[in-house]
Amino acid sequence: MIDLFRDVHRAVWSDAAPDTYTRNLQRGYLDRLSVLMTQDAPAPPANLPPQFQALFPRMNVSQSDIRAVARADLEALERETTAAASRATNPLQRAHYRDAAVRISRILDPNR
């Protein structure tokens, strides 16, 4: 699981000057991590054929290592986006990184 998170993190956040599409992908990545941090896995649809049941693993996300790994990824991203915002010369990219850092902060601490 650590390798999966690391690989996806690198794929989504490796671009030093993200374009509109990459910025949207990065925001979507944060949205998914937010869901992992706050919600349990959905139950499969009632009428799902048996051969597709494996697509909906039955697990308690809050009792697995998923949240710990997602939290570690978010903490790393918070540091990275804060640093990237201070380095960015493009005002739109600087705003994007600052916004990402705030979003991450709110995911990690919803009371902020």
Protein backbone atom coordinates (compact mmCIF):
# COMPACT_ATOMS: atom_id res chain seq x y z
CA MET A 1 0.00 0.00 0.00
CA ILE A 2 2.90 2.36 0.75
CA ASP A 3 4.26 1.80 -2.75
CA LEU A 4 0.85 2.47 -4.30
CA PHE A 5 0.45 5.77 -2.48
CA ARG A 6 4.04 6.78 -3.29
CA ASP A 7 3.64 5.98 -6.99
CA VAL A 8 0.31 7.79 -7.33
CA HIS A 9 1.66 10.76 -5.36
CA ARG A 10 4.64 11.04 -7.71
CA ALA A 11 2.48 10.68 -10.82
CA VAL A 12 0.01 13.36 -9.75
CA TRP A 13 2.35 15.88 -8.09
CA SER A 14 5.64 15.58 -10.04
CA ASP A 15 4.96 18.43 -12.46
CA ALA A 16 6.82 21.56 -11.29
CA ALA A 17 4.63 23.82 -13.44
CA PRO A 18 1.20 22.13 -13.54
CA ASP A 19 -1.20 23.13 -16.28
CA THR A 20 -4.97 23.43 -15.84
CA TYR A 21 -5.55 19.70 -16.30
CA THR A 22 -2.84 18.71 -13.85
CA ARG A 23 -4.12 21.19 -11.26
CA ASN A 24 -7.61 19.67 -11.64
CA LEU A 25 -6.11 16.18 -11.22
CA GLN A 26 -4.29 17.35 -8.09
CA ARG A 27 -7.50 18.78 -6.61
CA GLY A 28 -9.26 15.50 -7.41
CA TYR A 29 -6.47 13.62 -5.65
CA LEU A 30 -7.01 15.74 -2.54
CA ASP A 31 -10.76 15.10 -2.74
CA ARG A 32 -10.17 11.34 -2.80
CA LEU A 33 -7.77 11.51 0.15
CA SER A 34 -10.37 13.53 2.01
CA VAL A 35 -12.92 10.77 1.41
CA LEU A 36 -10.44 8.14 2.62
CA MET A 37 -9.89 10.16 5.79
CA THR A 38 -13.55 10.73 6.58
CA GLN A 39 -15.73 7.99 5.11
CA ASP A 40 -15.96 4.22 5.11
CA ALA A 41 -15.99 2.20 1.91
CA PRO A 42 -19.43 2.10 0.28
CA ALA A 43 -21.42 -1.10 0.30
CA PRO A 44 -21.88 -2.81 -3.06
CA PRO A 45 -25.17 -2.25 -4.86
CA ALA A 46 -27.83 -4.75 -3.80
CA ASN A 47 -28.36 -6.10 -7.32
CA LEU A 48 -24.66 -6.53 -8.16
CA PRO A 49 -23.96 -9.92 -9.79
CA PRO A 50 -21.71 -12.19 -7.71
CA GLN A 51 -18.82 -12.03 -10.19
CA PHE A 52 -18.50 -8.29 -9.50
CA GLN A 53 -18.63 -8.49 -5.69
CA ALA A 54 -14.82 -8.45 -5.56
CA LEU A 55 -14.87 -4.88 -6.89
CA PHE A 56 -16.30 -3.82 -3.53
CA PRO A 57 -14.01 -5.24 -0.86
CA ARG A 58 -15.64 -5.37 2.55
CA MET A 59 -13.40 -3.53 4.93
CA ASN A 60 -13.55 -1.04 7.71
CA VAL A 61 -11.39 1.82 6.46
CA SER A 62 -11.10 3.35 9.92
CA GLN A 63 -9.65 0.09 11.26
CA SER A 64 -7.17 -0.44 8.41
CA ASP A 65 -3.81 1.14 7.63
CA ILE A 66 -5.34 3.19 4.81
CA ARG A 67 -5.95 6.28 6.93
CA ALA A 68 -2.47 6.17 8.44
CA VAL A 69 -0.90 6.02 4.99
CA ALA A 70 -3.26 8.68 3.61
CA ARG A 71 -2.42 10.94 6.58
CA ALA A 72 1.31 10.50 5.96
CA ASP A 73 0.80 11.35 2.29
CA LEU A 74 -1.24 14.43 3.19
CA GLU A 75 1.40 15.60 5.67
CA ALA A 76 4.10 15.26 3.01
CA LEU A 77 1.90 17.07 0.49
CA GLU A 78 1.26 19.89 2.95
CA ARG A 79 5.01 20.48 3.25
CA GLU A 80 5.53 20.14 -0.52
CA THR A 81 2.71 22.48 -1.54
CA THR A 82 3.72 25.10 1.02
CA ALA A 83 7.29 25.02 -0.30
CA ALA A 84 6.10 25.04 -3.93
CA ALA A 85 3.91 28.10 -3.26
CA SER A 86 6.89 30.03 -1.94
CA ARG A 87 8.99 29.08 -5.00
CA ALA A 88 6.34 29.62 -7.67
CA THR A 89 6.79 32.66 -9.88
CA ASN A 90 3.54 32.16 -11.77
CA PRO A 91 0.69 33.78 -9.76
CA LEU A 92 -1.85 31.11 -10.76
CA GLN A 93 0.44 28.26 -9.76
CA ARG A 94 1.31 30.02 -6.50
CA ALA A 95 -2.42 30.41 -5.76
CA HIS A 96 -3.01 26.75 -6.62
CA TYR A 97 -0.30 25.53 -4.25
CA ARG A 98 -1.50 27.81 -1.46
CA ASP A 99 -5.06 26.59 -1.98
CA ALA A 100 -3.87 22.96 -1.94
CA ALA A 101 -1.99 23.56 1.32
CA VAL A 102 -5.13 25.05 2.91
CA ARG A 103 -7.28 22.16 1.66
CA ILE A 104 -4.81 19.67 3.08
CA SER A 105 -4.71 21.50 6.38
CA ARG A 106 -8.49 21.29 6.60
CA ILE A 107 -8.50 17.58 5.76
CA LEU A 108 -5.95 16.90 8.49
CA ASP A 109 -7.69 19.15 11.00
CA PRO A 110 -11.34 19.88 10.10
CA ASN A 111 -11.57 22.39 12.97
CA ARG A 112 -9.10 24.79 11.33
